[in-house]
Amino acid sequence: MRVIRNIFKLIFSSIEIGVLLICLANAWVFALTNGRTYTKISKIPPREVALVLGTSPKMRSGLSNPYFTKRMDAASLLYHHGKIKQIIVSGEKSKGYNEPAAMKNYLVYQEGVPEEIITEDPKGFNTYKSILRCKDVYKKDNVIIVSQGFHNLRALFFARNNTMNALGFDAQDVSKPESYYRNQFREVFARLIAVVYFILGISPD
């Protein structure tokens, strides 16, 4: 009986420690990015370039992905209001799949953004790589990161820890409750992983 009681104590202690670590990691991300994300175009200071983080242009059903279109809308808004002069579209390019090309085409043909100001980054396989390549490959650190708000916090955490002068412009979120809460839940753990990787000096794959 005592053994079982000790096992339960160990389990509950582990859960408590896990919850505490999640809370501390998320608090660090929020503290580091506080005041650096914007939802209103009139409020955000201008920067040299917008870094638009990739996502699939289509859902499994074949319909347009609203996360994709809202990010393109946000990037276009920054350009047409004179907040940025260049755009880097960063995402995955693989056989039969090309996020940066889809983003560029949408911005040019649907949003009226000049083709010559858009740079495609085909090796933005994840958030960390997109941020790091923006700084190291394209030599841009004075940036506005464009994604949904739940994602921008983690992206800004990476950018700020890589000494980039980055702001976040939050694209409109998707209003479906199941999608919203799923992404918020995932992002809580993604921020924990980002913090652990940073502390350990590990580059996310």
N, C-alpha and C. Protein backbone atom coordinates (compact mmCIF):
# COMPACT_ATOMS: atom_id res chain seq x y z
N MET A 1 0.83 -1.20 0.00
CA MET A 1 0.00 0.00 0.00
C MET A 1 0.88 1.26 0.00
N ARG A 2 1.94 1.21 0.81
CA ARG A 2 2.84 2.35 0.89
C ARG A 2 3.55 2.58 -0.45
N VAL A 3 3.88 1.46 -1.12
CA VAL A 3 4.55 1.57 -2.42
C VAL A 3 3.64 2.26 -3.43
N ILE A 4 2.36 1.87 -3.44
CA ILE A 4 1.39 2.48 -4.37
C ILE A 4 1.24 3.96 -4.08
N ARG A 5 1.18 4.29 -2.75
CA ARG A 5 1.05 5.69 -2.34
C ARG A 5 2.26 6.50 -2.80
N ASN A 6 3.44 5.91 -2.69
CA ASN A 6 4.66 6.60 -3.12
C ASN A 6 4.69 6.79 -4.63
N ILE A 7 4.17 5.80 -5.36
CA ILE A 7 4.11 5.92 -6.81
C ILE A 7 3.19 7.08 -7.21
N PHE A 8 2.02 7.16 -6.56
CA PHE A 8 1.09 8.24 -6.86
C PHE A 8 1.69 9.60 -6.50
N LYS A 9 2.42 9.66 -5.40
CA LYS A 9 3.07 10.92 -5.02
C LYS A 9 4.09 11.34 -6.07
N LEU A 10 4.84 10.36 -6.57
CA LEU A 10 5.83 10.65 -7.61
C LEU A 10 5.17 11.15 -8.89
N ILE A 11 4.06 10.49 -9.24
CA ILE A 11 3.33 10.91 -10.45
C ILE A 11 2.81 12.33 -10.31
N PHE A 12 2.18 12.63 -9.17
CA PHE A 12 1.62 13.96 -8.96
C PHE A 12 2.72 15.02 -8.88
N SER A 13 3.84 14.66 -8.28
CA SER A 13 4.97 15.60 -8.21
C SER A 13 5.51 15.90 -9.60
N SER A 14 5.59 14.85 -10.42
CA SER A 14 6.07 15.03 -11.80
C SER A 14 5.12 15.92 -12.59
N ILE A 15 3.82 15.71 -12.39
CA ILE A 15 2.82 16.55 -13.08
C ILE A 15 2.95 18.01 -12.64
N GLU A 16 3.11 18.21 -11.34
CA GLU A 16 3.24 19.58 -10.81
C GLU A 16 4.48 20.27 -11.39
N ILE A 17 5.58 19.54 -11.44
CA ILE A 17 6.82 20.11 -12.00
C ILE A 17 6.63 20.43 -13.48
N GLY A 18 5.97 19.52 -14.20
CA GLY A 18 5.72 19.74 -15.62
C GLY A 18 4.87 20.97 -15.87
N VAL A 19 3.80 21.12 -15.11
CA VAL A 19 2.92 22.29 -15.24
C VAL A 19 3.67 23.57 -14.91
N LEU A 20 4.51 23.52 -13.87
CA LEU A 20 5.30 24.69 -13.48
C LEU A 20 6.26 25.09 -14.60
N LEU A 21 6.92 24.10 -15.20
CA LEU A 21 7.86 24.39 -16.29
C LEU A 21 7.14 25.00 -17.49
N ILE A 22 5.96 24.46 -17.81
CA ILE A 22 5.17 25.01 -18.92
C ILE A 22 4.80 26.46 -18.64
N CYS A 23 4.36 26.73 -17.41
CA CYS A 23 3.97 28.10 -17.04
C CYS A 23 5.15 29.06 -17.09
N LEU A 24 6.31 28.62 -16.58
CA LEU A 24 7.49 29.48 -16.57
C LEU A 24 7.99 29.75 -17.98
N ALA A 25 8.00 28.71 -18.82
CA ALA A 25 8.45 28.88 -20.21
C ALA A 25 7.56 29.85 -20.95
N ASN A 26 6.25 29.69 -20.81
CA ASN A 26 5.33 30.59 -21.50
C ASN A 26 5.40 32.00 -20.95
N ALA A 27 5.63 32.12 -19.65
CA ALA A 27 5.77 33.45 -19.04
C ALA A 27 7.01 34.15 -19.60
N TRP A 28 8.09 33.41 -19.81
CA TRP A 28 9.32 33.98 -20.38
C TRP A 28 9.07 34.49 -21.80
N VAL A 29 8.38 33.67 -22.59
CA VAL A 29 8.07 34.07 -23.97
C VAL A 29 7.22 35.33 -23.98
N PHE A 30 6.19 35.37 -23.14
CA PHE A 30 5.32 36.54 -23.07
C PHE A 30 6.09 37.78 -22.62
N ALA A 31 6.97 37.61 -21.64
CA ALA A 31 7.74 38.75 -21.12
C ALA A 31 8.70 39.30 -22.17
N LEU A 32 9.34 38.41 -22.91
CA LEU A 32 10.32 38.83 -23.90
C LEU A 32 9.67 39.51 -25.11
N THR A 33 8.44 39.15 -25.39
CA THR A 33 7.76 39.69 -26.58
C THR A 33 6.71 40.74 -26.23
N ASN A 34 6.58 41.08 -24.96
CA ASN A 34 5.56 42.02 -24.52
C ASN A 34 5.70 43.37 -25.23
N GLY A 35 4.61 43.84 -25.80
CA GLY A 35 4.60 45.14 -26.46
C GLY A 35 5.20 45.15 -27.85
N ARG A 36 5.53 43.98 -28.38
CA ARG A 36 6.17 43.93 -29.70
C ARG A 36 5.29 43.28 -30.76
N THR A 37 4.04 42.99 -30.42
CA THR A 37 3.09 42.48 -31.41
C THR A 37 1.96 43.49 -31.59
N TYR A 38 1.49 43.58 -32.82
CA TYR A 38 0.47 44.58 -33.17
C TYR A 38 -0.64 43.93 -33.97
N THR A 39 -1.84 44.45 -33.79
CA THR A 39 -2.99 43.99 -34.57
C THR A 39 -3.55 45.11 -35.45
N LYS A 40 -3.19 46.36 -35.16
CA LYS A 40 -3.69 47.50 -35.94
C LYS A 40 -2.57 48.07 -36.80
N ILE A 41 -2.86 48.22 -38.07
CA ILE A 41 -1.86 48.71 -39.02
C ILE A 41 -1.40 50.13 -38.68
N SER A 42 -2.27 50.93 -38.10
CA SER A 42 -1.92 52.31 -37.79
C SER A 42 -0.93 52.42 -36.63
N LYS A 43 -0.82 51.37 -35.84
CA LYS A 43 0.01 51.42 -34.63
C LYS A 43 1.42 50.88 -34.84
N ILE A 44 1.61 50.00 -35.79
CA ILE A 44 2.90 49.33 -35.90
C ILE A 44 3.94 50.25 -36.54
N PRO A 45 5.12 50.36 -35.95
CA PRO A 45 6.19 51.17 -36.55
C PRO A 45 6.70 50.52 -37.84
N PRO A 46 7.21 51.32 -38.76
CA PRO A 46 7.73 50.76 -40.02
C PRO A 46 9.02 49.99 -39.80
N ARG A 47 9.26 49.03 -40.65
CA ARG A 47 10.49 48.26 -40.67
C ARG A 47 10.92 48.09 -42.13
N GLU A 48 12.12 47.62 -42.32
CA GLU A 48 12.65 47.45 -43.68
C GLU A 48 11.92 46.36 -44.45
N VAL A 49 11.64 45.26 -43.77
CA VAL A 49 11.14 44.08 -44.48
C VAL A 49 10.12 43.33 -43.62
N ALA A 50 9.18 42.68 -44.30
CA ALA A 50 8.25 41.76 -43.63
C ALA A 50 8.70 40.33 -43.90
N LEU A 51 8.75 39.53 -42.86
CA LEU A 51 9.02 38.10 -42.98
C LEU A 51 7.70 37.37 -42.78
N VAL A 52 7.19 36.78 -43.85
CA VAL A 52 5.90 36.10 -43.79
C VAL A 52 6.15 34.61 -43.62
N LEU A 53 5.67 34.06 -42.51
CA LEU A 53 5.91 32.65 -42.20
C LEU A 53 4.92 31.77 -42.95
N GLY A 54 5.44 30.69 -43.50
CA GLY A 54 4.66 29.85 -44.40
C GLY A 54 3.69 28.91 -43.72
N THR A 55 2.67 28.55 -44.47
CA THR A 55 1.74 27.50 -44.11
C THR A 55 1.14 26.99 -45.40
N SER A 56 0.50 25.85 -45.37
CA SER A 56 -0.04 25.27 -46.59
C SER A 56 -1.12 26.17 -47.19
N PRO A 57 -1.07 26.42 -48.50
CA PRO A 57 -2.10 27.25 -49.13
C PRO A 57 -3.46 26.56 -49.23
N LYS A 58 -3.46 25.24 -49.15
CA LYS A 58 -4.72 24.48 -49.25
C LYS A 58 -4.91 23.58 -48.04
N MET A 59 -6.17 23.36 -47.67
CA MET A 59 -6.50 22.39 -46.65
C MET A 59 -6.64 21.01 -47.29
N ARG A 60 -6.79 19.99 -46.48
CA ARG A 60 -6.92 18.62 -47.01
C ARG A 60 -8.13 18.48 -47.92
N SER A 61 -9.14 19.29 -47.68
CA SER A 61 -10.35 19.26 -48.50
C SER A 61 -10.12 19.85 -49.88
N GLY A 62 -8.99 20.54 -50.05
CA GLY A 62 -8.71 21.21 -51.32
C GLY A 62 -9.12 22.66 -51.33
N LEU A 63 -9.83 23.10 -50.30
CA LEU A 63 -10.23 24.49 -50.19
C LEU A 63 -9.05 25.35 -49.72
N SER A 64 -9.14 26.65 -49.96
CA SER A 64 -8.09 27.56 -49.52
C SER A 64 -7.95 27.52 -48.00
N ASN A 65 -6.71 27.54 -47.54
CA ASN A 65 -6.43 27.56 -46.11
C ASN A 65 -6.59 28.98 -45.59
N PRO A 66 -7.54 29.23 -44.69
CA PRO A 66 -7.75 30.61 -44.21
C PRO A 66 -6.56 31.17 -43.46
N TYR A 67 -5.74 30.32 -42.83
CA TYR A 67 -4.53 30.82 -42.17
C TYR A 67 -3.57 31.41 -43.21
N PHE A 68 -3.49 30.76 -44.36
CA PHE A 68 -2.65 31.23 -45.45
C PHE A 68 -3.15 32.57 -45.98
N THR A 69 -4.42 32.63 -46.35
CA THR A 69 -4.95 33.85 -46.96
C THR A 69 -4.91 35.04 -46.00
N LYS A 70 -5.14 34.80 -44.72
CA LYS A 70 -5.10 35.90 -43.74
C LYS A 70 -3.67 36.43 -43.58
N ARG A 71 -2.68 35.55 -43.66
CA ARG A 71 -1.29 36.01 -43.58
C ARG A 71 -0.94 36.86 -44.80
N MET A 72 -1.42 36.44 -45.97
CA MET A 72 -1.17 37.22 -47.18
C MET A 72 -1.87 38.58 -47.10
N ASP A 73 -3.08 38.59 -46.56
CA ASP A 73 -3.80 39.86 -46.38
C ASP A 73 -3.01 40.81 -45.47
N ALA A 74 -2.44 40.25 -44.40
CA ALA A 74 -1.70 41.06 -43.44
C ALA A 74 -0.42 41.61 -44.07
N ALA A 75 0.29 40.78 -44.83
CA ALA A 75 1.52 41.23 -45.49
C ALA A 75 1.22 42.32 -46.50
N SER A 76 0.13 42.14 -47.26
CA SER A 76 -0.29 43.14 -48.24
C SER A 76 -0.64 44.46 -47.57
N LEU A 77 -1.30 44.37 -46.45
CA LEU A 77 -1.69 45.57 -45.70
C LEU A 77 -0.46 46.37 -45.27
N LEU A 78 0.56 45.67 -44.81
CA LEU A 78 1.80 46.34 -44.42
C LEU A 78 2.42 47.08 -45.60
N TYR A 79 2.43 46.43 -46.76
CA TYR A 79 3.03 47.07 -47.93
C TYR A 79 2.22 48.27 -48.40
N HIS A 80 0.93 48.09 -48.55
CA HIS A 80 0.09 49.16 -49.10
C HIS A 80 -0.05 50.35 -48.15
N HIS A 81 0.26 50.15 -46.87
CA HIS A 81 0.26 51.27 -45.91
C HIS A 81 1.67 51.82 -45.69
N GLY A 82 2.61 51.39 -46.50
CA GLY A 82 3.96 51.94 -46.44
C GLY A 82 4.75 51.56 -45.21
N LYS A 83 4.38 50.45 -44.57
CA LYS A 83 5.08 50.03 -43.36
C LYS A 83 6.35 49.22 -43.66
N ILE A 84 6.41 48.62 -44.83
CA ILE A 84 7.59 47.84 -45.24
C ILE A 84 7.89 48.10 -46.72
N LYS A 85 9.15 47.82 -47.10
CA LYS A 85 9.56 48.01 -48.49
C LYS A 85 9.85 46.70 -49.21
N GLN A 86 10.11 45.65 -48.43
CA GLN A 86 10.42 44.35 -49.01
C GLN A 86 9.67 43.27 -48.24
N ILE A 87 9.49 42.13 -48.90
CA ILE A 87 8.81 41.00 -48.27
C ILE A 87 9.62 39.73 -48.53
N ILE A 88 9.87 38.96 -47.47
CA ILE A 88 10.45 37.62 -47.61
C ILE A 88 9.34 36.62 -47.28
N VAL A 89 9.04 35.75 -48.23
CA VAL A 89 8.05 34.70 -47.97
C VAL A 89 8.82 33.41 -47.72
N SER A 90 8.71 32.89 -46.52
CA SER A 90 9.55 31.77 -46.08
C SER A 90 8.70 30.56 -45.77
N GLY A 91 9.04 29.44 -46.41
CA GLY A 91 8.28 28.22 -46.15
C GLY A 91 8.98 27.03 -46.78
N GLU A 92 8.26 25.94 -46.83
CA GLU A 92 8.82 24.68 -47.33
C GLU A 92 8.66 24.56 -48.84
N LYS A 93 9.74 24.14 -49.49
CA LYS A 93 9.68 23.76 -50.90
C LYS A 93 10.19 22.33 -51.02
N SER A 94 9.37 21.48 -51.55
CA SER A 94 9.76 20.08 -51.77
C SER A 94 9.09 19.62 -53.07
N LYS A 95 9.27 18.37 -53.44
CA LYS A 95 8.73 17.87 -54.70
C LYS A 95 7.22 18.00 -54.73
N GLY A 96 6.71 18.77 -55.67
CA GLY A 96 5.27 18.94 -55.82
C GLY A 96 4.64 19.86 -54.80
N TYR A 97 5.45 20.56 -54.03
CA TYR A 97 4.91 21.42 -52.96
C TYR A 97 5.82 22.63 -52.81
N ASN A 98 5.24 23.83 -52.85
CA ASN A 98 6.07 25.04 -52.81
C ASN A 98 5.31 26.18 -52.13
N GLU A 99 5.49 26.29 -50.82
CA GLU A 99 4.82 27.36 -50.07
C GLU A 99 5.26 28.75 -50.50
N PRO A 100 6.58 29.02 -50.61
CA PRO A 100 7.00 30.38 -50.98
C PRO A 100 6.45 30.84 -52.33
N ALA A 101 6.43 29.95 -53.32
CA ALA A 101 5.90 30.31 -54.63
C ALA A 101 4.41 30.62 -54.55
N ALA A 102 3.68 29.83 -53.76
CA ALA A 102 2.24 30.06 -53.59
C ALA A 102 1.99 31.40 -52.90
N MET A 103 2.83 31.73 -51.91
CA MET A 103 2.68 33.01 -51.21
C MET A 103 2.97 34.17 -52.14
N LYS A 104 4.04 34.05 -52.91
CA LYS A 104 4.40 35.12 -53.84
C LYS A 104 3.31 35.33 -54.89
N ASN A 105 2.82 34.24 -55.45
CA ASN A 105 1.77 34.35 -56.47
C ASN A 105 0.51 35.00 -55.91
N TYR A 106 0.16 34.65 -54.69
CA TYR A 106 -1.03 35.23 -54.08
C TYR A 106 -0.84 36.73 -53.85
N LEU A 107 0.32 37.09 -53.35
CA LEU A 107 0.59 38.51 -53.08
C LEU A 107 0.58 39.33 -54.37
N VAL A 108 1.14 38.78 -55.42
CA VAL A 108 1.23 39.51 -56.69
C VAL A 108 -0.13 39.59 -57.38
N TYR A 109 -0.81 38.45 -57.51
CA TYR A 109 -2.01 38.39 -58.35
C TYR A 109 -3.31 38.65 -57.60
N GLN A 110 -3.29 38.46 -56.29
CA GLN A 110 -4.51 38.71 -55.51
C GLN A 110 -4.43 40.00 -54.68
N GLU A 111 -3.21 40.39 -54.32
CA GLU A 111 -3.07 41.54 -53.41
C GLU A 111 -2.41 42.75 -54.07
N GLY A 112 -1.94 42.60 -55.30
CA GLY A 112 -1.36 43.73 -56.01
C GLY A 112 -0.02 44.20 -55.49
N VAL A 113 0.75 43.28 -54.91
CA VAL A 113 2.09 43.61 -54.42
C VAL A 113 3.09 43.42 -55.57
N PRO A 114 3.99 44.37 -55.80
CA PRO A 114 4.97 44.24 -56.89
C PRO A 114 5.85 43.00 -56.73
N GLU A 115 6.01 42.27 -57.79
CA GLU A 115 6.79 41.02 -57.77
C GLU A 115 8.23 41.26 -57.35
N GLU A 116 8.80 42.39 -57.77
CA GLU A 116 10.22 42.62 -57.56
C GLU A 116 10.60 42.88 -56.10
N ILE A 117 9.64 43.13 -55.24
CA ILE A 117 9.98 43.38 -53.84
C ILE A 117 9.88 42.10 -53.00
N ILE A 118 9.48 40.99 -53.63
CA ILE A 118 9.25 39.74 -52.90
C ILE A 118 10.40 38.77 -53.12
N THR A 119 10.95 38.26 -52.03
CA THR A 119 12.01 37.25 -52.07
C THR A 119 11.47 35.93 -51.55
N GLU A 120 11.69 34.86 -52.28
CA GLU A 120 11.26 33.53 -51.85
C GLU A 120 12.38 32.84 -51.06
N ASP A 121 12.04 32.37 -49.86
CA ASP A 121 12.96 31.54 -49.08
C ASP A 121 12.41 30.12 -49.07
N PRO A 122 12.98 29.21 -49.86
CA PRO A 122 12.43 27.86 -49.98
C PRO A 122 12.88 26.89 -48.91
N LYS A 123 13.68 27.37 -47.95
CA LYS A 123 14.20 26.47 -46.92
C LYS A 123 13.73 26.84 -45.52
N GLY A 124 12.59 27.51 -45.46
CA GLY A 124 12.00 27.83 -44.16
C GLY A 124 11.15 26.67 -43.67
N PHE A 125 11.82 25.57 -43.33
CA PHE A 125 11.11 24.34 -43.00
C PHE A 125 10.40 24.40 -41.65
N ASN A 126 10.81 25.32 -40.81
CA ASN A 126 10.10 25.55 -39.56
C ASN A 126 10.32 26.99 -39.12
N THR A 127 9.68 27.38 -38.04
CA THR A 127 9.73 28.77 -37.59
C THR A 127 11.16 29.22 -37.31
N TYR A 128 11.92 28.39 -36.61
CA TYR A 128 13.28 28.75 -36.24
C TYR A 128 14.15 28.96 -37.48
N LYS A 129 14.03 28.07 -38.45
CA LYS A 129 14.85 28.19 -39.66
C LYS A 129 14.48 29.44 -40.45
N SER A 130 13.20 29.76 -40.51
CA SER A 130 12.78 30.97 -41.22
C SER A 130 13.39 32.21 -40.57
N ILE A 131 13.38 32.26 -39.24
CA ILE A 131 13.94 33.40 -38.52
C ILE A 131 15.45 33.47 -38.74
N LEU A 132 16.13 32.35 -38.58
CA LEU A 132 17.58 32.33 -38.68
C LEU A 132 18.05 32.66 -40.09
N ARG A 133 17.35 32.14 -41.09
CA ARG A 133 17.73 32.41 -42.48
C ARG A 133 17.47 33.87 -42.85
N CYS A 134 16.45 34.45 -42.28
CA CYS A 134 16.18 35.86 -42.50
C CYS A 134 17.38 36.71 -42.09
N LYS A 135 17.95 36.35 -40.96
CA LYS A 135 19.11 37.11 -40.45
C LYS A 135 20.42 36.72 -41.13
N ASP A 136 20.70 35.43 -41.21
CA ASP A 136 22.01 34.97 -41.65
C ASP A 136 22.17 34.89 -43.16
N VAL A 137 21.10 34.50 -43.86
CA VAL A 137 21.18 34.34 -45.31
C VAL A 137 20.81 35.63 -46.04
N TYR A 138 19.70 36.24 -45.61
CA TYR A 138 19.23 37.43 -46.31
C TYR A 138 19.68 38.73 -45.64
N LYS A 139 20.38 38.59 -44.51
CA LYS A 139 21.00 39.74 -43.82
C LYS A 139 19.98 40.80 -43.44
N LYS A 140 18.81 40.35 -42.97
CA LYS A 140 17.76 41.27 -42.54
C LYS A 140 17.43 41.00 -41.06
N ASP A 141 17.58 42.03 -40.25
CA ASP A 141 17.18 41.85 -38.84
C ASP A 141 16.22 42.92 -38.37
N ASN A 142 15.93 43.89 -39.23
CA ASN A 142 14.99 44.96 -38.91
C ASN A 142 13.65 44.59 -39.56
N VAL A 143 12.90 43.68 -38.93
CA VAL A 143 11.80 43.01 -39.62
C VAL A 143 10.48 43.09 -38.86
N ILE A 144 9.42 42.91 -39.63
CA ILE A 144 8.08 42.65 -39.07
C ILE A 144 7.72 41.22 -39.44
N ILE A 145 7.49 40.39 -38.44
CA ILE A 145 7.11 38.99 -38.68
C ILE A 145 5.60 38.91 -38.81
N VAL A 146 5.15 38.22 -39.84
CA VAL A 146 3.72 38.10 -40.11
C VAL A 146 3.26 36.66 -39.94
N SER A 147 2.35 36.46 -39.00
CA SER A 147 1.69 35.18 -38.80
C SER A 147 0.49 35.44 -37.89
N GLN A 148 -0.23 34.39 -37.53
CA GLN A 148 -1.29 34.57 -36.55
C GLN A 148 -0.67 34.84 -35.17
N GLY A 149 -1.44 35.50 -34.32
CA GLY A 149 -0.93 35.93 -33.02
C GLY A 149 -0.35 34.82 -32.17
N PHE A 150 -1.00 33.65 -32.14
CA PHE A 150 -0.51 32.54 -31.31
C PHE A 150 0.87 32.08 -31.77
N HIS A 151 1.16 32.21 -33.05
CA HIS A 151 2.43 31.79 -33.63
C HIS A 151 3.49 32.87 -33.52
N ASN A 152 3.07 34.12 -33.63
CA ASN A 152 4.01 35.23 -33.63
C ASN A 152 4.82 35.33 -32.34
N LEU A 153 4.24 34.95 -31.23
CA LEU A 153 4.96 35.05 -29.96
C LEU A 153 6.20 34.16 -29.97
N ARG A 154 6.06 32.94 -30.44
CA ARG A 154 7.20 32.02 -30.50
C ARG A 154 8.22 32.50 -31.54
N ALA A 155 7.72 32.98 -32.67
CA ALA A 155 8.62 33.50 -33.70
C ALA A 155 9.43 34.69 -33.17
N LEU A 156 8.77 35.57 -32.45
CA LEU A 156 9.47 36.72 -31.86
C LEU A 156 10.46 36.29 -30.80
N PHE A 157 10.13 35.25 -30.06
CA PHE A 157 11.06 34.72 -29.06
C PHE A 157 12.37 34.29 -29.74
N PHE A 158 12.26 33.56 -30.84
CA PHE A 158 13.45 33.16 -31.60
C PHE A 158 14.20 34.39 -32.12
N ALA A 159 13.45 35.34 -32.67
CA ALA A 159 14.08 36.52 -33.27
C ALA A 159 14.79 37.36 -32.22
N ARG A 160 14.15 37.58 -31.11
CA ARG A 160 14.73 38.42 -30.05
C ARG A 160 15.98 37.76 -29.47
N ASN A 161 15.97 36.45 -29.36
CA ASN A 161 17.14 35.74 -28.84
C ASN A 161 18.25 35.63 -29.88
N ASN A 162 17.97 36.02 -31.11
CA ASN A 162 19.00 36.10 -32.14
C ASN A 162 19.31 37.57 -32.47
N THR A 163 19.06 38.44 -31.49
CA THR A 163 19.39 39.87 -31.54
C THR A 163 18.80 40.58 -32.75
N MET A 164 17.62 40.16 -33.19
CA MET A 164 16.94 40.84 -34.29
C MET A 164 16.00 41.91 -33.76
N ASN A 165 15.92 43.01 -34.46
CA ASN A 165 15.02 44.09 -34.09
C ASN A 165 13.66 43.81 -34.72
N ALA A 166 12.97 42.84 -34.15
CA ALA A 166 11.76 42.30 -34.77
C ALA A 166 10.50 42.75 -34.04
N LEU A 167 9.45 42.94 -34.84
CA LEU A 167 8.10 43.16 -34.34
C LEU A 167 7.21 42.08 -34.94
N GLY A 168 6.03 41.92 -34.39
CA GLY A 168 5.07 40.97 -34.94
C GLY A 168 3.81 41.69 -35.37
N PHE A 169 3.31 41.36 -36.56
CA PHE A 169 2.01 41.86 -37.00
C PHE A 169 1.09 40.66 -37.12
N ASP A 170 0.06 40.65 -36.30
CA ASP A 170 -0.82 39.49 -36.18
C ASP A 170 -1.85 39.45 -37.30
N ALA A 171 -1.76 38.43 -38.13
CA ALA A 171 -2.81 38.20 -39.12
C ALA A 171 -4.08 37.78 -38.40
N GLN A 172 -5.21 38.02 -39.03
CA GLN A 172 -6.49 37.65 -38.43
C GLN A 172 -6.52 36.15 -38.17
N ASP A 173 -6.99 35.78 -36.99
CA ASP A 173 -7.07 34.36 -36.64
C ASP A 173 -8.31 33.74 -37.27
N VAL A 174 -8.33 32.42 -37.31
CA VAL A 174 -9.47 31.69 -37.85
C VAL A 174 -10.48 31.50 -36.73
N SER A 175 -11.73 31.79 -37.04
CA SER A 175 -12.73 31.88 -35.98
C SER A 175 -13.34 30.56 -35.55
N LYS A 176 -13.05 29.47 -36.28
CA LYS A 176 -13.62 28.18 -35.88
C LYS A 176 -13.08 27.78 -34.50
N PRO A 177 -13.96 27.54 -33.53
CA PRO A 177 -13.51 27.25 -32.16
C PRO A 177 -12.55 26.07 -32.08
N GLU A 178 -12.85 24.98 -32.82
CA GLU A 178 -12.00 23.80 -32.71
C GLU A 178 -10.59 24.09 -33.23
N SER A 179 -10.49 24.90 -34.27
CA SER A 179 -9.19 25.26 -34.82
C SER A 179 -8.45 26.20 -33.88
N TYR A 180 -9.15 27.18 -33.35
CA TYR A 180 -8.53 28.17 -32.46
C TYR A 180 -7.96 27.51 -31.22
N TYR A 181 -8.77 26.71 -30.53
CA TYR A 181 -8.32 26.11 -29.27
C TYR A 181 -7.25 25.05 -29.49
N ARG A 182 -7.32 24.33 -30.61
CA ARG A 182 -6.29 23.35 -30.92
C ARG A 182 -4.94 24.02 -31.10
N ASN A 183 -4.92 25.10 -31.85
CA ASN A 183 -3.66 25.81 -32.09
C ASN A 183 -3.11 26.45 -30.82
N GLN A 184 -4.00 27.02 -30.02
CA GLN A 184 -3.55 27.62 -28.76
C GLN A 184 -2.94 26.56 -27.84
N PHE A 185 -3.57 25.40 -27.78
CA PHE A 185 -3.07 24.32 -26.93
C PHE A 185 -1.72 23.83 -27.41
N ARG A 186 -1.59 23.61 -28.72
CA ARG A 186 -0.31 23.16 -29.28
C ARG A 186 0.80 24.17 -29.01
N GLU A 187 0.46 25.43 -29.13
CA GLU A 187 1.47 26.47 -29.03
C GLU A 187 2.02 26.58 -27.61
N VAL A 188 1.22 26.27 -26.61
CA VAL A 188 1.69 26.28 -25.22
C VAL A 188 2.88 25.33 -25.08
N PHE A 189 2.78 24.14 -25.67
CA PHE A 189 3.87 23.15 -25.59
C PHE A 189 5.01 23.51 -26.55
N ALA A 190 4.66 24.11 -27.68
CA ALA A 190 5.71 24.51 -28.63
C ALA A 190 6.60 25.59 -28.01
N ARG A 191 6.03 26.47 -27.22
CA ARG A 191 6.83 27.50 -26.53
C ARG A 191 7.75 26.87 -25.50
N LEU A 192 7.25 25.86 -24.81
CA LEU A 192 8.10 25.15 -23.84
C LEU A 192 9.30 24.53 -24.55
N ILE A 193 9.06 23.87 -25.67
CA ILE A 193 10.14 23.25 -26.43
C ILE A 193 11.13 24.30 -26.92
N ALA A 194 10.60 25.45 -27.38
CA ALA A 194 11.47 26.53 -27.86
C ALA A 194 12.39 27.02 -26.75
N VAL A 195 11.86 27.16 -25.55
CA VAL A 195 12.65 27.62 -24.40
C VAL A 195 13.71 26.58 -24.03
N VAL A 196 13.31 25.32 -23.99
CA VAL A 196 14.26 24.24 -23.64
C VAL A 196 15.40 24.19 -24.66
N TYR A 197 15.07 24.28 -25.92
CA TYR A 197 16.09 24.27 -26.97
C TYR A 197 17.04 25.45 -26.82
N PHE A 198 16.48 26.61 -26.51
CA PHE A 198 17.31 27.80 -26.35
C PHE A 198 18.28 27.65 -25.17
N ILE A 199 17.77 27.17 -24.05
CA ILE A 199 18.60 26.99 -22.86
C ILE A 199 19.71 25.98 -23.12
N LEU A 200 19.38 24.91 -23.84
CA LEU A 200 20.35 23.86 -24.10
C LEU A 200 21.24 24.17 -25.32
N GLY A 201 20.91 25.24 -26.02
CA GLY A 201 21.69 25.60 -27.20
C GLY A 201 21.48 24.66 -28.37
N ILE A 202 20.28 24.10 -28.46
CA ILE A 202 19.97 23.17 -29.55
C ILE A 202 19.21 23.90 -30.65
N SER A 203 19.56 23.62 -31.89
CA SER A 203 18.84 24.18 -33.04
C SER A 203 17.69 23.25 -33.40
N PRO A 204 16.44 23.73 -33.38
CA PRO A 204 15.31 22.86 -33.74
C PRO A 204 15.45 22.37 -35.17
N ASP A 205 15.10 21.11 -35.40
CA ASP A 205 15.16 20.53 -36.76
C ASP A 205 14.04 21.12 -37.62
